[in-house]
Structures are given as structure tokens and as C-alpha cells.
Amino acid sequence: DRTTRELQESVMRIRMLPIAAVFNRFPRMVRDLERRLGKHVKLELHGESTEVDKTVLEKIGDPLVHLVRNAIDHGLETPEARVAAGKPETGVLRLEARHEGGNVVVEVVDDGAGLNRARIVEKAIERGLVRPGQELSDEEVAELIFQAGFSTNAEATDLSGRGVGMDVVRRNVNDLGGSVGVRSRAGKGSTFTIVLPLTLAIIEGLTTEIGSERYIVPLVSIVESLQLKVQDVRNVAGGGELFHFRDEWLPL
């Protein structure tokens, strides 16, 4: 057991590479976008030495490119608009990577205008995603931008407006076993957070059997496991079973 564990750890160390390989492509890209959009952007990179699995490294590039372009195109205002809002005319865009438990967390943070709540809701109503007058929380509004084909731009450019965007970012991240979320404050900016498993090469799991079939559930997906007592199980009409868990009856 110890020998196979050591072998596993050796293989993992070989596969791990610093995320700087992806981050290093952004300074030039940001300079190009600055010139094209007439904006001033200060790019800050943090945690470039954070190591991630080679497979993750290869696939995280495209989602990050899209988030950075979005932050500059949609998030950061023009120098004139920033000065009018009492901000420095140069916007700050920060890319940060860090380890948290068995995950790597990558954040794209800007100090721009934040999500345009009214425009997003208006577009969602146009597309029939929400009903007029429907009350939406900030989280629900943020979730709308991940809908397929969703764009708040009135006209398509080579940068945005085609509705091919955040849904693809989320799908690519989900394919890696990760998740993407957004926090935004009007006038203060937005933070897009990507959480990814540290490695895709080896996934530890819990072996479980259901009837004659065997499944392995990844340990990172398990919040809690418990021993089920017979007295906690109840049969219901139609052959189903429920078990009692924290004052709730859940289907078995």
C-alpha cells in the first residue's frame, strides 16, 4: 500500500506544472484589448507559481481568455466614465490562483461597473427566460449570464455580442469536474471564481454497491456519509423507501 502510494505521489509531482504557463499569455492580450477598446487597464497576476495538473492546465486557458476579454469589454469602463464615477481612469484586472484543499481556485477580478442588472433582466425578459415583474435575487441575475446564447450587447463584434460565451465557459469548466461562479457589486466590480480539482489523473473514490452494480463516487464530491439504521427506513405505497435524516424524509 505504501509503495503504490509513493508511486502515485511521484507521478503526481511529475504531472504538476505552474499556472504561470497560462497566466503569461495575458499581458500582451490585455495590451492589445486596451488599444482596441480605448481603455486603460492595469493587469495584476498573483499565485503564478500555483501548480496544477497538466491536463487542467491545457484546458483552463480558453475559459480564462474569455473571462479576461469579458472583464475588459463589459466590466471595465472607459477612462472618461471612470473619472466621472470618481475612480482612477486606469482599471485594475487581477488574476489570482491558489490552492484550497483538494482544489485549485482561479479568480478573475475587475474594479469595473459590475453586472448591469437592469440590462441583464431586460434581455432575459426579451428572451422569455423570466417573467416581467418577477423578483430576482442578485444570485439569480448573475446566473442568467450563463444561459446559452445570452448577450447584453446590442450588436455583435469580433469580441462579444454573439451569445457564445459564458455558457461555453461553464461547460468547459464543468467538463473538468469544476464549477464557475460570479459575485458582483454595482459600480465596484465583479469577481469570477473557477474551482477545479487539483488533478484529473488520479481520483480517490468511495466504492459503493447498489443491487448487483458497483459505483465509485469521487471523495471530493462527498459531503457526508452515514450508517443507515433499519429503524430509520419506512416503506411507502408503490414499493418506494424513505429514510429519516435531520427531521426530513428522503427517498432511498
C-alpha atoms as a PDB file:
ATOM      1  CA  ASP A   1       0.000   0.000   0.000  1.00  0.00           C
ATOM      2  CA  ARG A   2       2.778   2.410   0.965  1.00  0.00           C
ATOM      3  CA  THR A   3       4.717   1.611  -2.241  1.00  0.00           C
ATOM      4  CA  THR A   4       1.738   2.267  -4.520  1.00  0.00           C
ATOM      5  CA  ARG A   5       1.018   5.497  -2.623  1.00  0.00           C
ATOM      6  CA  GLU A   6       4.618   6.662  -3.139  1.00  0.00           C
ATOM      7  CA  LEU A   7       4.422   5.766  -6.831  1.00  0.00           C
ATOM      8  CA  GLN A   8       1.163   7.697  -7.121  1.00  0.00           C
ATOM      9  CA  GLU A   9       2.688  10.766  -5.453  1.00  0.00           C
ATOM     10  CA  SER A  10       5.755  10.604  -7.734  1.00  0.00           C
ATOM     11  CA  VAL A  11       3.542  10.509 -10.829  1.00  0.00           C
ATOM     12  CA  MET A  12       1.501  13.417  -9.471  1.00  0.00           C
ATOM     13  CA  ARG A  13       4.606  15.538  -8.883  1.00  0.00           C
ATOM     14  CA  ILE A  14       5.729  14.927 -12.463  1.00  0.00           C
ATOM     15  CA  ARG A  15       2.322  15.991 -13.823  1.00  0.00           C
ATOM     16  CA  MET A  16       2.130  19.224 -11.793  1.00  0.00           C
ATOM     17  CA  LEU A  17       3.092  22.451 -13.612  1.00  0.00           C
ATOM     18  CA  PRO A  18       2.902  26.114 -12.514  1.00  0.00           C
ATOM     19  CA  ILE A  19      -0.127  28.032 -13.779  1.00  0.00           C
ATOM     20  CA  ALA A  20       2.285  30.765 -14.943  1.00  0.00           C
ATOM     21  CA  ALA A  21       2.316  28.930 -18.297  1.00  0.00           C
ATOM     22  CA  VAL A  22      -1.295  30.113 -18.792  1.00  0.00           C
ATOM     23  CA  PHE A  23      -1.045  33.479 -16.986  1.00  0.00           C
ATOM     24  CA  ASN A  24       1.924  34.600 -19.117  1.00  0.00           C
ATOM     25  CA  ARG A  25      -0.217  34.896 -22.240  1.00  0.00           C
ATOM     26  CA  PHE A  26      -2.390  37.655 -20.741  1.00  0.00           C
ATOM     27  CA  PRO A  27      -0.120  40.767 -20.526  1.00  0.00           C
ATOM     28  CA  ARG A  28       0.113  41.015 -24.309  1.00  0.00           C
ATOM     29  CA  MET A  29      -3.570  40.202 -24.803  1.00  0.00           C
ATOM     30  CA  VAL A  30      -4.577  42.914 -22.315  1.00  0.00           C
ATOM     31  CA  ARG A  31      -2.363  45.487 -24.079  1.00  0.00           C
ATOM     32  CA  ASP A  32      -3.995  44.640 -27.439  1.00  0.00           C
ATOM     33  CA  LEU A  33      -7.504  44.959 -25.974  1.00  0.00           C
ATOM     34  CA  GLU A  34      -6.593  48.262 -24.287  1.00  0.00           C
ATOM     35  CA  ARG A  35      -5.654  49.760 -27.641  1.00  0.00           C
ATOM     36  CA  ARG A  36      -8.699  48.382 -29.477  1.00  0.00           C
ATOM     37  CA  LEU A  37     -11.229  49.464 -26.855  1.00  0.00           C
ATOM     38  CA  GLY A  38      -9.587  52.736 -25.799  1.00  0.00           C
ATOM     39  CA  LYS A  39      -9.394  51.687 -22.155  1.00  0.00           C
ATOM     40  CA  HIS A  40      -6.592  51.811 -19.583  1.00  0.00           C
ATOM     41  CA  VAL A  41      -6.021  48.528 -17.762  1.00  0.00           C
ATOM     42  CA  LYS A  42      -3.508  47.550 -15.106  1.00  0.00           C
ATOM     43  CA  LEU A  43      -3.097  43.760 -15.048  1.00  0.00           C
ATOM     44  CA  GLU A  44      -2.087  42.126 -11.750  1.00  0.00           C
ATOM     45  CA  LEU A  45      -1.032  38.463 -11.596  1.00  0.00           C
ATOM     46  CA  HIS A  46      -0.958  36.615  -8.268  1.00  0.00           C
ATOM     47  CA  GLY A  47      -0.101  32.999  -7.477  1.00  0.00           C
ATOM     48  CA  GLU A  48       1.632  32.214 -10.785  1.00  0.00           C
ATOM     49  CA  SER A  49       3.685  29.523  -9.016  1.00  0.00           C
ATOM     50  CA  THR A  50       0.495  27.633  -8.038  1.00  0.00           C
ATOM     51  CA  GLU A  51       0.857  24.158  -9.507  1.00  0.00           C
ATOM     52  CA  VAL A  52      -1.943  22.366 -11.331  1.00  0.00           C
ATOM     53  CA  ASP A  53      -2.278  19.118 -13.213  1.00  0.00           C
ATOM     54  CA  LYS A  54      -1.037  19.164 -16.822  1.00  0.00           C
ATOM     55  CA  THR A  55      -4.498  18.242 -18.170  1.00  0.00           C
ATOM     56  CA  VAL A  56      -6.168  21.034 -16.198  1.00  0.00           C
ATOM     57  CA  LEU A  57      -3.510  23.478 -17.392  1.00  0.00           C
ATOM     58  CA  GLU A  58      -4.171  22.627 -21.040  1.00  0.00           C
ATOM     59  CA  LYS A  59      -7.935  23.116 -20.743  1.00  0.00           C
ATOM     60  CA  ILE A  60      -8.202  26.111 -18.409  1.00  0.00           C
ATOM     61  CA  GLY A  61      -6.688  28.536 -20.950  1.00  0.00           C
ATOM     62  CA  ASP A  62      -9.758  29.141 -23.135  1.00  0.00           C
ATOM     63  CA  PRO A  63     -12.223  29.807 -20.275  1.00  0.00           C
ATOM     64  CA  LEU A  64      -9.739  32.272 -18.732  1.00  0.00           C
ATOM     65  CA  VAL A  65      -9.210  34.051 -22.066  1.00  0.00           C
ATOM     66  CA  HIS A  66     -12.976  34.552 -22.342  1.00  0.00           C
ATOM     67  CA  LEU A  67     -13.308  35.838 -18.761  1.00  0.00           C
ATOM     68  CA  VAL A  68     -10.444  38.308 -19.239  1.00  0.00           C
ATOM     69  CA  ARG A  69     -11.907  39.605 -22.518  1.00  0.00           C
ATOM     70  CA  ASN A  70     -15.326  39.937 -20.877  1.00  0.00           C
ATOM     71  CA  ALA A  71     -13.869  41.822 -17.906  1.00  0.00           C
ATOM     72  CA  ILE A  72     -12.206  44.378 -20.191  1.00  0.00           C
ATOM     73  CA  ASP A  73     -15.050  44.637 -22.726  1.00  0.00           C
ATOM     74  CA  HIS A  74     -18.082  44.553 -20.404  1.00  0.00           C
ATOM     75  CA  GLY A  75     -16.713  45.167 -16.913  1.00  0.00           C
ATOM     76  CA  LEU A  76     -14.143  47.964 -17.051  1.00  0.00           C
ATOM     77  CA  GLU A  77     -15.449  51.373 -18.072  1.00  0.00           C
ATOM     78  CA  THR A  78     -13.831  53.886 -20.440  1.00  0.00           C
ATOM     79  CA  PRO A  79     -11.385  56.355 -18.788  1.00  0.00           C
ATOM     80  CA  GLU A  80     -13.994  59.152 -19.076  1.00  0.00           C
ATOM     81  CA  ALA A  81     -16.726  57.069 -17.416  1.00  0.00           C
ATOM     82  CA  ARG A  82     -14.355  56.017 -14.609  1.00  0.00           C
ATOM     83  CA  VAL A  83     -13.322  59.610 -13.876  1.00  0.00           C
ATOM     84  CA  ALA A  84     -16.991  60.671 -13.891  1.00  0.00           C
ATOM     85  CA  ALA A  85     -17.695  57.910 -11.338  1.00  0.00           C
ATOM     86  CA  GLY A  86     -14.870  59.158  -9.104  1.00  0.00           C
ATOM     87  CA  LYS A  87     -12.496  56.318  -9.952  1.00  0.00           C
ATOM     88  CA  PRO A  88      -8.920  56.374 -11.300  1.00  0.00           C
ATOM     89  CA  GLU A  89      -9.019  56.291 -15.120  1.00  0.00           C
ATOM     90  CA  THR A  90      -6.950  53.080 -15.147  1.00  0.00           C
ATOM     91  CA  GLY A  91      -8.987  49.993 -14.300  1.00  0.00           C
ATOM     92  CA  VAL A  92      -7.474  47.084 -12.378  1.00  0.00           C
ATOM     93  CA  LEU A  93      -7.801  43.499 -13.582  1.00  0.00           C
ATOM     94  CA  ARG A  94      -6.467  40.825 -11.253  1.00  0.00           C
ATOM     95  CA  LEU A  95      -5.829  37.155 -11.989  1.00  0.00           C
ATOM     96  CA  GLU A  96      -5.191  35.053  -8.919  1.00  0.00           C
ATOM     97  CA  ALA A  97      -4.591  31.335  -8.371  1.00  0.00           C
ATOM     98  CA  ARG A  98      -4.357  29.448  -5.077  1.00  0.00           C
ATOM     99  CA  HIS A  99      -4.829  26.009  -3.583  1.00  0.00           C
ATOM    100  CA  GLU A 100      -7.808  25.304  -1.318  1.00  0.00           C
ATOM    101  CA  GLY A 101      -7.966  21.757  -0.011  1.00  0.00           C
ATOM    102  CA  GLY A 102      -8.007  19.358  -2.967  1.00  0.00           C
ATOM    103  CA  ASN A 103      -8.900  22.139  -5.404  1.00  0.00           C
ATOM    104  CA  VAL A 104      -7.222  24.955  -7.265  1.00  0.00           C
ATOM    105  CA  VAL A 105      -9.135  28.248  -7.250  1.00  0.00           C
ATOM    106  CA  VAL A 106      -8.625  30.789 -10.056  1.00  0.00           C
ATOM    107  CA  GLU A 107     -10.229  34.234  -9.783  1.00  0.00           C
ATOM    108  CA  VAL A 108     -10.664  36.963 -12.394  1.00  0.00           C
ATOM    109  CA  VAL A 109     -11.392  40.222 -10.542  1.00  0.00           C
ATOM    110  CA  ASP A 110     -12.068  43.673 -12.002  1.00  0.00           C
ATOM    111  CA  ASP A 111     -12.919  47.010 -10.375  1.00  0.00           C
ATOM    112  CA  GLY A 112     -15.332  47.998 -13.146  1.00  0.00           C
ATOM    113  CA  ALA A 113     -19.037  48.760 -13.179  1.00  0.00           C
ATOM    114  CA  GLY A 114     -20.195  45.283 -12.112  1.00  0.00           C
ATOM    115  CA  LEU A 115     -23.011  43.384 -13.782  1.00  0.00           C
ATOM    116  CA  ASN A 116     -25.610  45.646 -15.410  1.00  0.00           C
ATOM    117  CA  ARG A 117     -28.577  44.190 -13.548  1.00  0.00           C
ATOM    118  CA  ALA A 118     -31.262  46.185 -15.390  1.00  0.00           C
ATOM    119  CA  ARG A 119     -29.834  45.320 -18.830  1.00  0.00           C
ATOM    120  CA  ILE A 120     -29.489  41.616 -17.971  1.00  0.00           C
ATOM    121  CA  VAL A 121     -33.074  41.403 -16.692  1.00  0.00           C
ATOM    122  CA  GLU A 122     -34.354  43.311 -19.744  1.00  0.00           C
ATOM    123  CA  LYS A 123     -32.602  40.880 -22.082  1.00  0.00           C
ATOM    124  CA  ALA A 124     -33.849  37.887 -20.072  1.00  0.00           C
ATOM    125  CA  ILE A 125     -37.446  39.142 -20.357  1.00  0.00           C
ATOM    126  CA  GLU A 126     -36.980  39.630 -24.149  1.00  0.00           C
ATOM    127  CA  ARG A 127     -35.841  36.031 -24.447  1.00  0.00           C
ATOM    128  CA  GLY A 128     -38.615  34.705 -22.216  1.00  0.00           C
ATOM    129  CA  LEU A 129     -36.223  33.488 -19.505  1.00  0.00           C
ATOM    130  CA  VAL A 130     -38.038  35.475 -16.804  1.00  0.00           C
ATOM    131  CA  ARG A 131     -41.493  36.993 -16.496  1.00  0.00           C
ATOM    132  CA  PRO A 132     -41.948  40.786 -16.454  1.00  0.00           C
ATOM    133  CA  GLY A 133     -42.143  41.985 -12.856  1.00  0.00           C
ATOM    134  CA  GLN A 134     -40.580  38.798 -11.495  1.00  0.00           C
ATOM    135  CA  GLU A 135     -38.429  39.497  -8.423  1.00  0.00           C
ATOM    136  CA  LEU A 136     -34.887  38.147  -8.836  1.00  0.00           C
ATOM    137  CA  SER A 137     -32.089  37.910  -6.288  1.00  0.00           C
ATOM    138  CA  ASP A 138     -28.556  39.038  -7.231  1.00  0.00           C
ATOM    139  CA  GLU A 139     -27.538  35.365  -7.494  1.00  0.00           C
ATOM    140  CA  GLU A 140     -30.400  34.633  -9.920  1.00  0.00           C
ATOM    141  CA  VAL A 141     -29.487  37.643 -12.082  1.00  0.00           C
ATOM    142  CA  ALA A 142     -25.830  36.545 -12.159  1.00  0.00           C
ATOM    143  CA  GLU A 143     -26.944  33.034 -13.148  1.00  0.00           C
ATOM    144  CA  LEU A 144     -28.732  34.428 -16.241  1.00  0.00           C
ATOM    145  CA  ILE A 145     -25.446  35.343 -17.952  1.00  0.00           C
ATOM    146  CA  PHE A 146     -24.573  31.620 -18.082  1.00  0.00           C
ATOM    147  CA  GLN A 147     -27.609  30.842 -20.258  1.00  0.00           C
ATOM    148  CA  ALA A 148     -26.819  29.604 -23.784  1.00  0.00           C
ATOM    149  CA  GLY A 149     -26.917  32.353 -26.403  1.00  0.00           C
ATOM    150  CA  PHE A 150     -27.239  35.130 -23.815  1.00  0.00           C
ATOM    151  CA  SER A 151     -25.640  38.503 -24.601  1.00  0.00           C
ATOM    152  CA  THR A 152     -26.386  42.059 -23.471  1.00  0.00           C
ATOM    153  CA  ASN A 153     -24.570  43.642 -26.423  1.00  0.00           C
ATOM    154  CA  ALA A 154     -26.910  45.266 -28.915  1.00  0.00           C
ATOM    155  CA  GLU A 155     -24.667  44.380 -31.839  1.00  0.00           C
ATOM    156  CA  ALA A 156     -22.145  41.638 -32.444  1.00  0.00           C
ATOM    157  CA  THR A 157     -18.446  42.498 -32.659  1.00  0.00           C
ATOM    158  CA  ASP A 158     -15.431  40.252 -33.033  1.00  0.00           C
ATOM    159  CA  LEU A 159     -15.115  40.467 -29.238  1.00  0.00           C
ATOM    160  CA  SER A 160     -18.649  39.846 -27.999  1.00  0.00           C
ATOM    161  CA  GLY A 161     -22.357  40.042 -28.702  1.00  0.00           C
ATOM    162  CA  ARG A 162     -22.727  36.721 -30.471  1.00  0.00           C
ATOM    163  CA  GLY A 163     -24.127  34.957 -27.428  1.00  0.00           C
ATOM    164  CA  VAL A 164     -21.301  32.408 -27.441  1.00  0.00           C
ATOM    165  CA  GLY A 165     -19.681  32.950 -24.138  1.00  0.00           C
ATOM    166  CA  MET A 166     -20.356  32.299 -20.530  1.00  0.00           C
ATOM    167  CA  ASP A 167     -22.328  29.102 -21.193  1.00  0.00           C
ATOM    168  CA  VAL A 168     -19.269  27.700 -23.021  1.00  0.00           C
ATOM    169  CA  VAL A 169     -17.004  28.790 -20.150  1.00  0.00           C
ATOM    170  CA  ARG A 170     -19.220  26.957 -17.665  1.00  0.00           C
ATOM    171  CA  ARG A 171     -19.458  23.849 -19.858  1.00  0.00           C
ATOM    172  CA  ASN A 172     -15.670  23.682 -20.289  1.00  0.00           C
ATOM    173  CA  VAL A 173     -15.124  24.085 -16.545  1.00  0.00           C
ATOM    174  CA  ASN A 174     -17.822  21.503 -15.735  1.00  0.00           C
ATOM    175  CA  ASP A 175     -16.119  19.056 -18.123  1.00  0.00           C
ATOM    176  CA  LEU A 176     -13.044  19.344 -15.900  1.00  0.00           C
ATOM    177  CA  GLY A 177     -15.139  18.471 -12.843  1.00  0.00           C
ATOM    178  CA  GLY A 178     -15.105  22.072 -11.644  1.00  0.00           C
ATOM    179  CA  SER A 179     -17.521  24.947 -11.124  1.00  0.00           C
ATOM    180  CA  VAL A 180     -17.667  28.638 -12.007  1.00  0.00           C
ATOM    181  CA  GLY A 181     -19.497  31.368 -10.124  1.00  0.00           C
ATOM    182  CA  VAL A 182     -19.732  35.161 -10.064  1.00  0.00           C
ATOM    183  CA  ARG A 183     -20.063  37.852  -7.409  1.00  0.00           C
ATOM    184  CA  SER A 184     -20.763  41.430  -8.451  1.00  0.00           C
ATOM    185  CA  ARG A 185     -21.330  44.816  -6.830  1.00  0.00           C
ATOM    186  CA  ALA A 186     -22.760  47.671  -8.858  1.00  0.00           C
ATOM    187  CA  GLY A 187     -20.097  50.281  -9.511  1.00  0.00           C
ATOM    188  CA  LYS A 188     -17.449  48.276  -7.621  1.00  0.00           C
ATOM    189  CA  GLY A 189     -16.671  45.401  -9.994  1.00  0.00           C
ATOM    190  CA  SER A 190     -17.056  41.658 -10.466  1.00  0.00           C
ATOM    191  CA  THR A 191     -15.277  38.506  -9.354  1.00  0.00           C
ATOM    192  CA  PHE A 192     -15.469  35.316 -11.429  1.00  0.00           C
ATOM    193  CA  THR A 193     -14.307  32.268  -9.488  1.00  0.00           C
ATOM    194  CA  ILE A 194     -13.318  28.969 -11.085  1.00  0.00           C
ATOM    195  CA  VAL A 195     -12.868  25.982  -8.757  1.00  0.00           C
ATOM    196  CA  LEU A 196     -11.122  22.953 -10.261  1.00  0.00           C
ATOM    197  CA  PRO A 197      -9.895  19.618  -8.935  1.00  0.00           C
ATOM    198  CA  LEU A 198      -6.129  19.640  -8.390  1.00  0.00           C
ATOM    199  CA  THR A 199      -5.687  16.640 -10.643  1.00  0.00           C
ATOM    200  CA  LEU A 200      -7.648  14.591 -13.148  1.00  0.00           C
ATOM    201  CA  ALA A 201      -5.051  11.814 -13.340  1.00  0.00           C
ATOM    202  CA  ILE A 202      -5.978  10.071 -10.104  1.00  0.00           C
ATOM    203  CA  ILE A 203      -9.309  10.476  -8.359  1.00  0.00           C
ATOM    204  CA  GLU A 204      -9.810   8.798  -4.997  1.00  0.00           C
ATOM    205  CA  GLY A 205     -13.268   7.413  -4.507  1.00  0.00           C
ATOM    206  CA  LEU A 206     -15.668   5.595  -2.232  1.00  0.00           C
ATOM    207  CA  THR A 207     -16.723   2.193  -3.577  1.00  0.00           C
ATOM    208  CA  THR A 208     -20.439   1.621  -3.257  1.00  0.00           C
ATOM    209  CA  GLU A 209     -22.772  -1.145  -4.405  1.00  0.00           C
ATOM    210  CA  ILE A 210     -26.398  -0.803  -5.429  1.00  0.00           C
ATOM    211  CA  GLY A 211     -28.020  -4.148  -6.162  1.00  0.00           C
ATOM    212  CA  SER A 212     -25.572  -6.028  -8.367  1.00  0.00           C
ATOM    213  CA  GLU A 213     -23.887  -2.856  -9.674  1.00  0.00           C
ATOM    214  CA  ARG A 214     -20.770  -1.191  -8.299  1.00  0.00           C
ATOM    215  CA  TYR A 215     -20.090   2.547  -8.409  1.00  0.00           C
ATOM    216  CA  ILE A 216     -17.205   4.754  -7.296  1.00  0.00           C
ATOM    217  CA  VAL A 217     -18.125   8.205  -6.005  1.00  0.00           C
ATOM    218  CA  PRO A 218     -15.241  10.753  -6.032  1.00  0.00           C
ATOM    219  CA  LEU A 219     -14.272  11.644  -2.463  1.00  0.00           C
ATOM    220  CA  VAL A 220     -14.230  15.376  -3.282  1.00  0.00           C
ATOM    221  CA  SER A 221     -17.955  15.116  -4.129  1.00  0.00           C
ATOM    222  CA  ILE A 222     -18.904  13.535  -0.792  1.00  0.00           C
ATOM    223  CA  VAL A 223     -20.006  15.961   1.903  1.00  0.00           C
ATOM    224  CA  GLU A 224     -21.051  13.349   4.463  1.00  0.00           C
ATOM    225  CA  SER A 225     -21.596   9.615   4.765  1.00  0.00           C
ATOM    226  CA  LEU A 226     -23.634   7.805   7.406  1.00  0.00           C
ATOM    227  CA  GLN A 227     -24.599   4.314   8.523  1.00  0.00           C
ATOM    228  CA  LEU A 228     -28.304   3.789   7.920  1.00  0.00           C
ATOM    229  CA  LYS A 229     -30.220   2.158  10.755  1.00  0.00           C
ATOM    230  CA  VAL A 230     -33.047  -0.232   9.839  1.00  0.00           C
ATOM    231  CA  GLN A 231     -35.494   1.571  12.128  1.00  0.00           C
ATOM    232  CA  ASP A 232     -34.965   4.809  10.161  1.00  0.00           C
ATOM    233  CA  VAL A 233     -36.306   3.285   6.911  1.00  0.00           C
ATOM    234  CA  ARG A 234     -40.008   3.355   6.007  1.00  0.00           C
ATOM    235  CA  ASN A 235     -41.768   1.667   3.090  1.00  0.00           C
ATOM    236  CA  VAL A 236     -44.225   3.728   1.087  1.00  0.00           C
ATOM    237  CA  ALA A 237     -47.001   2.752  -1.302  1.00  0.00           C
ATOM    238  CA  GLY A 238     -45.742   1.668  -4.703  1.00  0.00           C
ATOM    239  CA  GLY A 239     -42.612  -0.021  -3.387  1.00  0.00           C
ATOM    240  CA  GLY A 240     -40.507   3.058  -2.570  1.00  0.00           C
ATOM    241  CA  GLU A 241     -38.462   3.586   0.600  1.00  0.00           C
ATOM    242  CA  LEU A 242     -37.749   6.689   2.666  1.00  0.00           C
ATOM    243  CA  PHE A 243     -35.218   7.261   5.413  1.00  0.00           C
ATOM    244  CA  HIS A 244     -35.290   9.742   8.258  1.00  0.00           C
ATOM    245  CA  PHE A 245     -32.496  12.319   8.175  1.00  0.00           C
ATOM    246  CA  ARG A 246     -32.380  15.546  10.220  1.00  0.00           C
ATOM    247  CA  ASP A 247     -36.154  15.899  10.565  1.00  0.00           C
ATOM    248  CA  GLU A 248     -36.711  15.132   6.859  1.00  0.00           C
ATOM    249  CA  TRP A 249     -37.826  12.035   4.997  1.00  0.00           C
ATOM    250  CA  LEU A 250     -35.602  11.465   1.987  1.00  0.00           C
ATOM    251  CA  PRO A 251     -36.102   8.885  -0.791  1.00  0.00           C
ATOM    252  CA  LEU A 252     -33.756   5.898  -0.688  1.00  0.00           C
END
